[in-house]
mmCIF file of all heavy atoms, coordinates in Angstrom:
data_MODEL
# 
_entry.id   MODEL 
# 
loop_
_atom_site.group_PDB 
_atom_site.id 
_atom_site.type_symbol 
_atom_site.label_atom_id 
_atom_site.label_alt_id 
_atom_site.label_comp_id 
_atom_site.label_asym_id 
_atom_site.label_entity_id 
_atom_site.label_seq_id 
_atom_site.pdbx_PDB_ins_code 
_atom_site.Cartn_x 
_atom_site.Cartn_y 
_atom_site.Cartn_z 
_atom_site.occupancy 
_atom_site.B_iso_or_equiv 
_atom_site.pdbx_formal_charge 
_atom_site.auth_seq_id 
_atom_site.auth_comp_id 
_atom_site.auth_asym_id 
_atom_site.auth_atom_id 
_atom_site.pdbx_PDB_model_num 
ATOM 1   N N   . GLU A 1 1  ? 0.878  -1.173 0.000  1.00 0.00 ? 1  GLU A N   1 
ATOM 2   C CA  . GLU A 1 1  ? 0.000  0.000  0.000  1.00 0.00 ? 1  GLU A CA  1 
ATOM 3   C C   . GLU A 1 1  ? 0.917  1.226  0.000  1.00 0.00 ? 1  GLU A C   1 
ATOM 4   O O   . GLU A 1 1  ? 1.787  1.355  0.861  1.00 0.00 ? 1  GLU A O   1 
ATOM 5   C CB  . GLU A 1 1  ? -0.914 -0.015 1.226  1.00 0.00 ? 1  GLU A CB  1 
ATOM 6   C CG  . GLU A 1 1  ? -2.119 0.907  1.134  1.00 0.00 ? 1  GLU A CG  1 
ATOM 7   C CD  . GLU A 1 1  ? -1.787 2.363  1.427  1.00 0.00 ? 1  GLU A CD  1 
ATOM 8   O OE1 . GLU A 1 1  ? -0.999 2.624  2.349  1.00 0.00 ? 1  GLU A OE1 1 
ATOM 9   O OE2 . GLU A 1 1  ? -2.324 3.236  0.716  1.00 0.00 ? 1  GLU A OE2 1 
ATOM 10  N N   . VAL A 1 2  ? 0.749  2.106  -0.989 1.00 0.00 ? 2  VAL A N   1 
ATOM 11  C CA  . VAL A 1 2  ? 1.723  3.171  -1.216 1.00 0.00 ? 2  VAL A CA  1 
ATOM 12  C C   . VAL A 1 2  ? 1.926  4.087  -0.014 1.00 0.00 ? 2  VAL A C   1 
ATOM 13  O O   . VAL A 1 2  ? 3.056  4.513  0.249  1.00 0.00 ? 2  VAL A O   1 
ATOM 14  C CB  . VAL A 1 2  ? 1.389  4.006  -2.469 1.00 0.00 ? 2  VAL A CB  1 
ATOM 15  C CG1 . VAL A 1 2  ? 1.458  3.153  -3.714 1.00 0.00 ? 2  VAL A CG1 1 
ATOM 16  C CG2 . VAL A 1 2  ? 0.044  4.689  -2.358 1.00 0.00 ? 2  VAL A CG2 1 
ATOM 17  N N   . HIS A 1 3  ? 0.870  4.399  0.709  1.00 0.00 ? 3  HIS A N   1 
ATOM 18  C CA  . HIS A 1 3  ? 1.026  5.306  1.843  1.00 0.00 ? 3  HIS A CA  1 
ATOM 19  C C   . HIS A 1 3  ? 1.775  4.635  2.990  1.00 0.00 ? 3  HIS A C   1 
ATOM 20  O O   . HIS A 1 3  ? 2.682  5.224  3.590  1.00 0.00 ? 3  HIS A O   1 
ATOM 21  C CB  . HIS A 1 3  ? -0.338 5.824  2.306  1.00 0.00 ? 3  HIS A CB  1 
ATOM 22  C CG  . HIS A 1 3  ? -1.034 6.616  1.254  1.00 0.00 ? 3  HIS A CG  1 
ATOM 23  N ND1 . HIS A 1 3  ? -2.036 6.080  0.488  1.00 0.00 ? 3  HIS A ND1 1 
ATOM 24  C CD2 . HIS A 1 3  ? -0.841 7.868  0.804  1.00 0.00 ? 3  HIS A CD2 1 
ATOM 25  C CE1 . HIS A 1 3  ? -2.449 6.993  -0.374 1.00 0.00 ? 3  HIS A CE1 1 
ATOM 26  N NE2 . HIS A 1 3  ? -1.732 8.085  -0.209 1.00 0.00 ? 3  HIS A NE2 1 
ATOM 27  N N   . ALA A 1 4  ? 1.425  3.410  3.280  1.00 0.00 ? 4  ALA A N   1 
ATOM 28  C CA  . ALA A 1 4  ? 2.102  2.671  4.351  1.00 0.00 ? 4  ALA A CA  1 
ATOM 29  C C   . ALA A 1 4  ? 3.560  2.398  3.971  1.00 0.00 ? 4  ALA A C   1 
ATOM 30  O O   . ALA A 1 4  ? 4.472  2.608  4.774  1.00 0.00 ? 4  ALA A O   1 
ATOM 31  C CB  . ALA A 1 4  ? 1.374  1.368  4.640  1.00 0.00 ? 4  ALA A CB  1 
ATOM 32  N N   . ASP A 1 5  ? 3.776  1.951  2.751  1.00 0.00 ? 5  ASP A N   1 
ATOM 33  C CA  . ASP A 1 5  ? 5.134  1.658  2.309  1.00 0.00 ? 5  ASP A CA  1 
ATOM 34  C C   . ASP A 1 5  ? 5.958  2.938  2.169  1.00 0.00 ? 5  ASP A C   1 
ATOM 35  O O   . ASP A 1 5  ? 7.175  2.933  2.365  1.00 0.00 ? 5  ASP A O   1 
ATOM 36  C CB  . ASP A 1 5  ? 5.120  0.887  0.995  1.00 0.00 ? 5  ASP A CB  1 
ATOM 37  C CG  . ASP A 1 5  ? 4.532  -0.507 1.139  1.00 0.00 ? 5  ASP A CG  1 
ATOM 38  O OD1 . ASP A 1 5  ? 4.299  -0.951 2.284  1.00 0.00 ? 5  ASP A OD1 1 
ATOM 39  O OD2 . ASP A 1 5  ? 4.302  -1.148 0.101  1.00 0.00 ? 5  ASP A OD2 1 
ATOM 40  N N   . GLY A 1 6  ? 5.298  4.023  1.841  1.00 0.00 ? 6  GLY A N   1 
ATOM 41  C CA  . GLY A 1 6  ? 5.987  5.307  1.725  1.00 0.00 ? 6  GLY A CA  1 
ATOM 42  C C   . GLY A 1 6  ? 6.595  5.777  3.031  1.00 0.00 ? 6  GLY A C   1 
ATOM 43  O O   . GLY A 1 6  ? 7.541  6.576  3.031  1.00 0.00 ? 6  GLY A O   1 
ATOM 44  N N   . GLU A 1 7  ? 6.080  5.296  4.147  1.00 0.00 ? 7  GLU A N   1 
ATOM 45  C CA  . GLU A 1 7  ? 6.647  5.667  5.443  1.00 0.00 ? 7  GLU A CA  1 
ATOM 46  C C   . GLU A 1 7  ? 8.082  5.149  5.582  1.00 0.00 ? 7  GLU A C   1 
ATOM 47  O O   . GLU A 1 7  ? 8.904  5.757  6.266  1.00 0.00 ? 7  GLU A O   1 
ATOM 48  C CB  . GLU A 1 7  ? 5.779  5.131  6.574  1.00 0.00 ? 7  GLU A CB  1 
ATOM 49  C CG  . GLU A 1 7  ? 4.418  5.809  6.641  1.00 0.00 ? 7  GLU A CG  1 
ATOM 50  C CD  . GLU A 1 7  ? 3.503  5.193  7.688  1.00 0.00 ? 7  GLU A CD  1 
ATOM 51  O OE1 . GLU A 1 7  ? 3.977  4.431  8.545  1.00 0.00 ? 7  GLU A OE1 1 
ATOM 52  O OE2 . GLU A 1 7  ? 2.298  5.498  7.627  1.00 0.00 ? 7  GLU A OE2 1 
ATOM 53  N N   . ILE A 1 8  ? 8.395  4.044  4.923  1.00 0.00 ? 8  ILE A N   1 
ATOM 54  C CA  . ILE A 1 8  ? 9.749  3.491  4.945  1.00 0.00 ? 8  ILE A CA  1 
ATOM 55  C C   . ILE A 1 8  ? 10.690 4.451  4.218  1.00 0.00 ? 8  ILE A C   1 
ATOM 56  O O   . ILE A 1 8  ? 11.738 4.839  4.739  1.00 0.00 ? 8  ILE A O   1 
ATOM 57  C CB  . ILE A 1 8  ? 9.785  2.094  4.294  1.00 0.00 ? 8  ILE A CB  1 
ATOM 58  C CG1 . ILE A 1 8  ? 8.847  1.140  5.030  1.00 0.00 ? 8  ILE A CG1 1 
ATOM 59  C CG2 . ILE A 1 8  ? 11.218 1.556  4.246  1.00 0.00 ? 8  ILE A CG2 1 
ATOM 60  C CD1 . ILE A 1 8  ? 8.491  -0.103 4.234  1.00 0.00 ? 8  ILE A CD1 1 
ATOM 61  N N   . TRP A 1 9  ? 10.306 4.836  3.024  1.00 0.00 ? 9  TRP A N   1 
ATOM 62  C CA  . TRP A 1 9  ? 11.098 5.753  2.222  1.00 0.00 ? 9  TRP A CA  1 
ATOM 63  C C   . TRP A 1 9  ? 11.212 7.113  2.923  1.00 0.00 ? 9  TRP A C   1 
ATOM 64  O O   . TRP A 1 9  ? 12.306 7.689  2.996  1.00 0.00 ? 9  TRP A O   1 
ATOM 65  C CB  . TRP A 1 9  ? 10.468 5.910  0.839  1.00 0.00 ? 9  TRP A CB  1 
ATOM 66  C CG  . TRP A 1 9  ? 11.267 6.767  -0.077 1.00 0.00 ? 9  TRP A CG  1 
ATOM 67  C CD1 . TRP A 1 9  ? 11.021 8.070  -0.395 1.00 0.00 ? 9  TRP A CD1 1 
ATOM 68  C CD2 . TRP A 1 9  ? 12.446 6.401  -0.785 1.00 0.00 ? 9  TRP A CD2 1 
ATOM 69  N NE1 . TRP A 1 9  ? 11.978 8.533  -1.263 1.00 0.00 ? 9  TRP A NE1 1 
ATOM 70  C CE2 . TRP A 1 9  ? 12.861 7.523  -1.510 1.00 0.00 ? 9  TRP A CE2 1 
ATOM 71  C CE3 . TRP A 1 9  ? 13.190 5.220  -0.870 1.00 0.00 ? 9  TRP A CE3 1 
ATOM 72  C CZ2 . TRP A 1 9  ? 13.993 7.514  -2.323 1.00 0.00 ? 9  TRP A CZ2 1 
ATOM 73  C CZ3 . TRP A 1 9  ? 14.314 5.218  -1.673 1.00 0.00 ? 9  TRP A CZ3 1 
ATOM 74  C CH2 . TRP A 1 9  ? 14.707 6.356  -2.386 1.00 0.00 ? 9  TRP A CH2 1 
ATOM 75  N N   . SER A 1 10 ? 10.102 7.594  3.432  1.00 0.00 ? 10 SER A N   1 
ATOM 76  C CA  . SER A 1 10 ? 10.098 8.904  4.081  1.00 0.00 ? 10 SER A CA  1 
ATOM 77  C C   . SER A 1 10 ? 10.998 8.935  5.304  1.00 0.00 ? 10 SER A C   1 
ATOM 78  O O   . SER A 1 10 ? 11.650 9.945  5.569  1.00 0.00 ? 10 SER A O   1 
ATOM 79  C CB  . SER A 1 10 ? 8.675  9.298  4.464  1.00 0.00 ? 10 SER A CB  1 
ATOM 80  O OG  . SER A 1 10 ? 7.885  9.442  3.308  1.00 0.00 ? 10 SER A OG  1 
ATOM 81  N N   . ARG A 1 11 ? 11.049 7.846  6.057  1.00 0.00 ? 11 ARG A N   1 
ATOM 82  C CA  . ARG A 1 11 ? 11.947 7.791  7.213  1.00 0.00 ? 11 ARG A CA  1 
ATOM 83  C C   . ARG A 1 11 ? 13.400 7.887  6.768  1.00 0.00 ? 11 ARG A C   1 
ATOM 84  O O   . ARG A 1 11 ? 14.209 8.588  7.383  1.00 0.00 ? 11 ARG A O   1 
ATOM 85  C CB  . ARG A 1 11 ? 11.710 6.521  8.024  1.00 0.00 ? 11 ARG A CB  1 
ATOM 86  C CG  . ARG A 1 11 ? 12.737 6.279  9.137  1.00 0.00 ? 11 ARG A CG  1 
ATOM 87  C CD  . ARG A 1 11 ? 12.722 7.416  10.179 1.00 0.00 ? 11 ARG A CD  1 
ATOM 88  N NE  . ARG A 1 11 ? 13.826 7.294  11.098 1.00 0.00 ? 11 ARG A NE  1 
ATOM 89  C CZ  . ARG A 1 11 ? 13.783 6.656  12.268 1.00 0.00 ? 11 ARG A CZ  1 
ATOM 90  N NH1 . ARG A 1 11 ? 12.668 6.068  12.658 1.00 0.00 ? 11 ARG A NH1 1 
ATOM 91  N NH2 . ARG A 1 11 ? 14.837 6.605  13.041 1.00 0.00 ? 11 ARG A NH2 1 
ATOM 92  N N   . ALA A 1 12 ? 13.737 7.215  5.679  1.00 0.00 ? 12 ALA A N   1 
ATOM 93  C CA  . ALA A 1 12 ? 15.107 7.314  5.162  1.00 0.00 ? 12 ALA A CA  1 
ATOM 94  C C   . ALA A 1 12 ? 15.423 8.755  4.769  1.00 0.00 ? 12 ALA A C   1 
ATOM 95  O O   . ALA A 1 12 ? 16.495 9.272  5.089  1.00 0.00 ? 12 ALA A O   1 
ATOM 96  C CB  . ALA A 1 12 ? 15.303 6.367  3.983  1.00 0.00 ? 12 ALA A CB  1 
ATOM 97  N N   . LEU A 1 13 ? 14.482 9.426  4.117  1.00 0.00 ? 13 LEU A N   1 
ATOM 98  C CA  . LEU A 1 13 ? 14.706 10.814 3.727  1.00 0.00 ? 13 LEU A CA  1 
ATOM 99  C C   . LEU A 1 13 ? 14.831 11.721 4.944  1.00 0.00 ? 13 LEU A C   1 
ATOM 100 O O   . LEU A 1 13 ? 15.661 12.643 4.956  1.00 0.00 ? 13 LEU A O   1 
ATOM 101 C CB  . LEU A 1 13 ? 13.590 11.298 2.800  1.00 0.00 ? 13 LEU A CB  1 
ATOM 102 C CG  . LEU A 1 13 ? 13.427 10.564 1.478  1.00 0.00 ? 13 LEU A CG  1 
ATOM 103 C CD1 . LEU A 1 13 ? 12.349 11.239 0.630  1.00 0.00 ? 13 LEU A CD1 1 
ATOM 104 C CD2 . LEU A 1 13 ? 14.727 10.451 0.720  1.00 0.00 ? 13 LEU A CD2 1 
ATOM 105 N N   . LEU A 1 14 ? 14.028 11.472 5.975  1.00 0.00 ? 14 LEU A N   1 
ATOM 106 C CA  . LEU A 1 14 ? 14.142 12.242 7.214  1.00 0.00 ? 14 LEU A CA  1 
ATOM 107 C C   . LEU A 1 14 ? 15.526 12.046 7.826  1.00 0.00 ? 14 LEU A C   1 
ATOM 108 O O   . LEU A 1 14 ? 16.163 13.006 8.278  1.00 0.00 ? 14 LEU A O   1 
ATOM 109 C CB  . LEU A 1 14 ? 13.050 11.830 8.197  1.00 0.00 ? 14 LEU A CB  1 
ATOM 110 C CG  . LEU A 1 14 ? 13.093 12.491 9.580  1.00 0.00 ? 14 LEU A CG  1 
ATOM 111 C CD1 . LEU A 1 14 ? 12.862 13.989 9.476  1.00 0.00 ? 14 LEU A CD1 1 
ATOM 112 C CD2 . LEU A 1 14 ? 12.054 11.855 10.498 1.00 0.00 ? 14 LEU A CD2 1 
ATOM 113 N N   . ASP A 1 15 ? 16.005 10.819 7.825  1.00 0.00 ? 15 ASP A N   1 
ATOM 114 C CA  . ASP A 1 15 ? 17.331 10.538 8.382  1.00 0.00 ? 15 ASP A CA  1 
ATOM 115 C C   . ASP A 1 15 ? 18.432 11.204 7.558  1.00 0.00 ? 15 ASP A C   1 
ATOM 116 O O   . ASP A 1 15 ? 19.421 11.698 8.121  1.00 0.00 ? 15 ASP A O   1 
ATOM 117 C CB  . ASP A 1 15 ? 17.561 9.033  8.475  1.00 0.00 ? 15 ASP A CB  1 
ATOM 118 C CG  . ASP A 1 15 ? 16.688 8.370  9.535  1.00 0.00 ? 15 ASP A CG  1 
ATOM 119 O OD1 . ASP A 1 15 ? 16.115 9.091  10.380 1.00 0.00 ? 15 ASP A OD1 1 
ATOM 120 O OD2 . ASP A 1 15 ? 16.577 7.135  9.503  1.00 0.00 ? 15 ASP A OD2 1 
ATOM 121 N N   . ILE A 1 16 ? 18.271 11.249 6.254  1.00 0.00 ? 16 ILE A N   1 
ATOM 122 C CA  . ILE A 1 16 ? 19.237 11.940 5.396  1.00 0.00 ? 16 ILE A CA  1 
ATOM 123 C C   . ILE A 1 16 ? 19.249 13.425 5.739  1.00 0.00 ? 16 ILE A C   1 
ATOM 124 O O   . ILE A 1 16 ? 20.306 14.045 5.898  1.00 0.00 ? 16 ILE A O   1 
ATOM 125 C CB  . ILE A 1 16 ? 18.911 11.710 3.904  1.00 0.00 ? 16 ILE A CB  1 
ATOM 126 C CG1 . ILE A 1 16 ? 19.162 10.253 3.526  1.00 0.00 ? 16 ILE A CG1 1 
ATOM 127 C CG2 . ILE A 1 16 ? 19.707 12.657 3.010  1.00 0.00 ? 16 ILE A CG2 1 
ATOM 128 C CD1 . ILE A 1 16 ? 18.579 9.849  2.177  1.00 0.00 ? 16 ILE A CD1 1 
ATOM 129 N N   . ARG A 1 17 ? 18.081 13.987 5.886  1.00 0.00 ? 17 ARG A N   1 
ATOM 130 C CA  . ARG A 1 17 ? 17.965 15.421 6.212  1.00 0.00 ? 17 ARG A CA  1 
ATOM 131 C C   . ARG A 1 17 ? 18.569 15.725 7.578  1.00 0.00 ? 17 ARG A C   1 
ATOM 132 O O   . ARG A 1 17 ? 19.220 16.745 7.766  1.00 0.00 ? 17 ARG A O   1 
ATOM 133 C CB  . ARG A 1 17 ? 16.491 15.811 6.173  1.00 0.00 ? 17 ARG A CB  1 
ATOM 134 C CG  . ARG A 1 17 ? 16.267 17.240 5.784  1.00 0.00 ? 17 ARG A CG  1 
ATOM 135 C CD  . ARG A 1 17 ? 14.792 17.436 5.452  1.00 0.00 ? 17 ARG A CD  1 
ATOM 136 N NE  . ARG A 1 17 ? 14.609 18.692 4.787  1.00 0.00 ? 17 ARG A NE  1 
ATOM 137 C CZ  . ARG A 1 17 ? 13.974 19.720 5.328  1.00 0.00 ? 17 ARG A CZ  1 
ATOM 138 N NH1 . ARG A 1 17 ? 13.461 19.640 6.534  1.00 0.00 ? 17 ARG A NH1 1 
ATOM 139 N NH2 . ARG A 1 17 ? 13.861 20.841 4.655  1.00 0.00 ? 17 ARG A NH2 1 
ATOM 140 N N   . THR A 1 18 ? 18.357 14.827 8.522  1.00 0.00 ? 18 THR A N   1 
ATOM 141 C CA  . THR A 1 18 ? 18.921 15.006 9.859  1.00 0.00 ? 18 THR A CA  1 
ATOM 142 C C   . THR A 1 18 ? 20.450 14.926 9.807  1.00 0.00 ? 18 THR A C   1 
ATOM 143 O O   . THR A 1 18 ? 21.147 15.713 10.449 1.00 0.00 ? 18 THR A O   1 
ATOM 144 C CB  . THR A 1 18 ? 18.359 13.939 10.821 1.00 0.00 ? 18 THR A CB  1 
ATOM 145 O OG1 . THR A 1 18 ? 16.934 14.091 10.878 1.00 0.00 ? 18 THR A OG1 1 
ATOM 146 C CG2 . THR A 1 18 ? 18.933 14.083 12.211 1.00 0.00 ? 18 THR A CG2 1 
ATOM 147 N N   . ALA A 1 19 ? 20.969 13.994 9.021  1.00 0.00 ? 19 ALA A N   1 
ATOM 148 C CA  . ALA A 1 19 ? 22.421 13.797 8.934  1.00 0.00 ? 19 ALA A CA  1 
ATOM 149 C C   . ALA A 1 19 ? 23.122 14.919 8.176  1.00 0.00 ? 19 ALA A C   1 
ATOM 150 O O   . ALA A 1 19 ? 24.223 15.333 8.558  1.00 0.00 ? 19 ALA A O   1 
ATOM 151 C CB  . ALA A 1 19 ? 22.726 12.453 8.265  1.00 0.00 ? 19 ALA A CB  1 
ATOM 152 N N   . LEU A 1 20 ? 22.491 15.417 7.129  1.00 0.00 ? 20 LEU A N   1 
ATOM 153 C CA  . LEU A 1 20 ? 23.168 16.351 6.228  1.00 0.00 ? 20 LEU A CA  1 
ATOM 154 C C   . LEU A 1 20 ? 22.718 17.797 6.348  1.00 0.00 ? 20 LEU A C   1 
ATOM 155 O O   . LEU A 1 20 ? 23.370 18.684 5.799  1.00 0.00 ? 20 LEU A O   1 
ATOM 156 C CB  . LEU A 1 20 ? 22.967 15.902 4.770  1.00 0.00 ? 20 LEU A CB  1 
ATOM 157 C CG  . LEU A 1 20 ? 23.472 14.516 4.412  1.00 0.00 ? 20 LEU A CG  1 
ATOM 158 C CD1 . LEU A 1 20 ? 23.123 14.191 2.973  1.00 0.00 ? 20 LEU A CD1 1 
ATOM 159 C CD2 . LEU A 1 20 ? 24.969 14.413 4.654  1.00 0.00 ? 20 LEU A CD2 1 
ATOM 160 N N   . GLY A 1 21 ? 21.599 18.020 7.010  1.00 0.00 ? 21 GLY A N   1 
ATOM 161 C CA  . GLY A 1 21 ? 21.032 19.363 7.041  1.00 0.00 ? 21 GLY A CA  1 
ATOM 162 C C   . GLY A 1 21 ? 20.094 19.577 5.868  1.00 0.00 ? 21 GLY A C   1 
ATOM 163 O O   . GLY A 1 21 ? 20.164 18.878 4.856  1.00 0.00 ? 21 GLY A O   1 
ATOM 164 N N   . ARG A 1 22 ? 19.220 20.552 6.028  1.00 0.00 ? 22 ARG A N   1 
ATOM 165 C CA  . ARG A 1 22 ? 18.180 20.791 5.025  1.00 0.00 ? 22 ARG A CA  1 
ATOM 166 C C   . ARG A 1 22 ? 18.728 21.099 3.642  1.00 0.00 ? 22 ARG A C   1 
ATOM 167 O O   . ARG A 1 22 ? 18.286 20.538 2.645  1.00 0.00 ? 22 ARG A O   1 
ATOM 168 C CB  . ARG A 1 22 ? 17.272 21.945 5.449  1.00 0.00 ? 22 ARG A CB  1 
ATOM 169 C CG  . ARG A 1 22 ? 16.414 21.648 6.623  1.00 0.00 ? 22 ARG A CG  1 
ATOM 170 C CD  . ARG A 1 22 ? 15.521 22.799 6.941  1.00 0.00 ? 22 ARG A CD  1 
ATOM 171 N NE  . ARG A 1 22 ? 16.335 24.009 7.146  1.00 0.00 ? 22 ARG A NE  1 
ATOM 172 C CZ  . ARG A 1 22 ? 15.894 25.122 7.680  1.00 0.00 ? 22 ARG A CZ  1 
ATOM 173 N NH1 . ARG A 1 22 ? 14.643 25.219 8.055  1.00 0.00 ? 22 ARG A NH1 1 
ATOM 174 N NH2 . ARG A 1 22 ? 16.681 26.163 7.849  1.00 0.00 ? 22 ARG A NH2 1 
ATOM 175 N N   . ARG A 1 23 ? 19.654 22.017 3.578  1.00 0.00 ? 23 ARG A N   1 
ATOM 176 C CA  . ARG A 1 23 ? 20.124 22.510 2.276  1.00 0.00 ? 23 ARG A CA  1 
ATOM 177 C C   . ARG A 1 23 ? 20.737 21.388 1.417  1.00 0.00 ? 23 ARG A C   1 
ATOM 178 O O   . ARG A 1 23 ? 20.338 21.186 0.273  1.00 0.00 ? 23 ARG A O   1 
ATOM 179 C CB  . ARG A 1 23 ? 21.114 23.633 2.484  1.00 0.00 ? 23 ARG A CB  1 
ATOM 180 C CG  . ARG A 1 23 ? 21.577 24.285 1.210  1.00 0.00 ? 23 ARG A CG  1 
ATOM 181 C CD  . ARG A 1 23 ? 22.518 25.448 1.543  1.00 0.00 ? 23 ARG A CD  1 
ATOM 182 N NE  . ARG A 1 23 ? 23.067 26.051 0.355  1.00 0.00 ? 23 ARG A NE  1 
ATOM 183 C CZ  . ARG A 1 23 ? 22.533 27.083 -0.278 1.00 0.00 ? 23 ARG A CZ  1 
ATOM 184 N NH1 . ARG A 1 23 ? 21.415 27.615 0.164  1.00 0.00 ? 23 ARG A NH1 1 
ATOM 185 N NH2 . ARG A 1 23 ? 23.110 27.578 -1.344 1.00 0.00 ? 23 ARG A NH2 1 
ATOM 186 N N   . VAL A 1 24 ? 21.688 20.674 1.964  1.00 0.00 ? 24 VAL A N   1 
ATOM 187 C CA  . VAL A 1 24 ? 22.358 19.611 1.204  1.00 0.00 ? 24 VAL A CA  1 
ATOM 188 C C   . VAL A 1 24 ? 21.384 18.472 0.928  1.00 0.00 ? 24 VAL A C   1 
ATOM 189 O O   . VAL A 1 24 ? 21.277 17.990 -0.208 1.00 0.00 ? 24 VAL A O   1 
ATOM 190 C CB  . VAL A 1 24 ? 23.615 19.113 1.950  1.00 0.00 ? 24 VAL A CB  1 
ATOM 191 C CG1 . VAL A 1 24 ? 24.181 17.863 1.283  1.00 0.00 ? 24 VAL A CG1 1 
ATOM 192 C CG2 . VAL A 1 24 ? 24.665 20.216 2.002  1.00 0.00 ? 24 VAL A CG2 1 
ATOM 193 N N   . ALA A 1 25 ? 20.671 18.025 1.950  1.00 0.00 ? 25 ALA A N   1 
ATOM 194 C CA  . ALA A 1 25 ? 19.746 16.901 1.772  1.00 0.00 ? 25 ALA A CA  1 
ATOM 195 C C   . ALA A 1 25 ? 18.671 17.214 0.745  1.00 0.00 ? 25 ALA A C   1 
ATOM 196 O O   . ALA A 1 25 ? 18.403 16.386 -0.144 1.00 0.00 ? 25 ALA A O   1 
ATOM 197 C CB  . ALA A 1 25 ? 19.109 16.535 3.110  1.00 0.00 ? 25 ALA A CB  1 
ATOM 198 N N   . ASP A 1 26 ? 18.060 18.361 0.849  1.00 0.00 ? 26 ASP A N   1 
ATOM 199 C CA  . ASP A 1 26 ? 16.988 18.703 -0.094 1.00 0.00 ? 26 ASP A CA  1 
ATOM 200 C C   . ASP A 1 26 ? 17.499 18.761 -1.522 1.00 0.00 ? 26 ASP A C   1 
ATOM 201 O O   . ASP A 1 26 ? 16.829 18.302 -2.454 1.00 0.00 ? 26 ASP A O   1 
ATOM 202 C CB  . ASP A 1 26 ? 16.330 20.024 0.283  1.00 0.00 ? 26 ASP A CB  1 
ATOM 203 C CG  . ASP A 1 26 ? 15.493 19.930 1.550  1.00 0.00 ? 26 ASP A CG  1 
ATOM 204 O OD1 . ASP A 1 26 ? 15.327 18.824 2.093  1.00 0.00 ? 26 ASP A OD1 1 
ATOM 205 O OD2 . ASP A 1 26 ? 15.016 20.994 2.017  1.00 0.00 ? 26 ASP A OD2 1 
ATOM 206 N N   . ARG A 1 27 ? 18.702 19.281 -1.722 1.00 0.00 ? 27 ARG A N   1 
ATOM 207 C CA  . ARG A 1 27 ? 19.262 19.339 -3.071 1.00 0.00 ? 27 ARG A CA  1 
ATOM 208 C C   . ARG A 1 27 ? 19.508 17.934 -3.620 1.00 0.00 ? 27 ARG A C   1 
ATOM 209 O O   . ARG A 1 27 ? 19.202 17.647 -4.773 1.00 0.00 ? 27 ARG A O   1 
ATOM 210 C CB  . ARG A 1 27 ? 20.553 20.141 -3.064 1.00 0.00 ? 27 ARG A CB  1 
ATOM 211 C CG  . ARG A 1 27 ? 20.298 21.623 -2.930 1.00 0.00 ? 27 ARG A CG  1 
ATOM 212 C CD  . ARG A 1 27 ? 21.581 22.393 -2.918 1.00 0.00 ? 27 ARG A CD  1 
ATOM 213 N NE  . ARG A 1 27 ? 21.299 23.827 -2.925 1.00 0.00 ? 27 ARG A NE  1 
ATOM 214 C CZ  . ARG A 1 27 ? 22.208 24.753 -3.072 1.00 0.00 ? 27 ARG A CZ  1 
ATOM 215 N NH1 . ARG A 1 27 ? 23.472 24.418 -3.232 1.00 0.00 ? 27 ARG A NH1 1 
ATOM 216 N NH2 . ARG A 1 27 ? 21.869 26.018 -3.061 1.00 0.00 ? 27 ARG A NH2 1 
ATOM 217 N N   . VAL A 1 28 ? 20.066 17.071 -2.803 1.00 0.00 ? 28 VAL A N   1 
ATOM 218 C CA  . VAL A 1 28 ? 20.317 15.694 -3.244 1.00 0.00 ? 28 VAL A CA  1 
ATOM 219 C C   . VAL A 1 28 ? 18.998 14.992 -3.554 1.00 0.00 ? 28 VAL A C   1 
ATOM 220 O O   . VAL A 1 28 ? 18.836 14.380 -4.619 1.00 0.00 ? 28 VAL A O   1 
ATOM 221 C CB  . VAL A 1 28 ? 21.114 14.908 -2.182 1.00 0.00 ? 28 VAL A CB  1 
ATOM 222 C CG1 . VAL A 1 28 ? 21.131 13.418 -2.499 1.00 0.00 ? 28 VAL A CG1 1 
ATOM 223 C CG2 . VAL A 1 28 ? 22.534 15.456 -2.066 1.00 0.00 ? 28 VAL A CG2 1 
ATOM 224 N N   . ILE A 1 29 ? 18.060 15.076 -2.639 1.00 0.00 ? 29 ILE A N   1 
ATOM 225 C CA  . ILE A 1 29 ? 16.792 14.361 -2.779 1.00 0.00 ? 29 ILE A CA  1 
ATOM 226 C C   . ILE A 1 29 ? 16.019 14.838 -4.010 1.00 0.00 ? 29 ILE A C   1 
ATOM 227 O O   . ILE A 1 29 ? 15.525 14.025 -4.802 1.00 0.00 ? 29 ILE A O   1 
ATOM 228 C CB  . ILE A 1 29 ? 15.953 14.501 -1.490 1.00 0.00 ? 29 ILE A CB  1 
ATOM 229 C CG1 . ILE A 1 29 ? 16.625 13.722 -0.355 1.00 0.00 ? 29 ILE A CG1 1 
ATOM 230 C CG2 . ILE A 1 29 ? 14.518 14.050 -1.710 1.00 0.00 ? 29 ILE A CG2 1 
ATOM 231 C CD1 . ILE A 1 29 ? 16.133 14.091 1.041  1.00 0.00 ? 29 ILE A CD1 1 
# 
């Protein structure tokens, strides 16, 4: 189910943003 499964992907993106900061993470993503 796309919304439930999307939580997996979204958590990874949140962790990337936390590790790299908004500016770098958002540009990469």
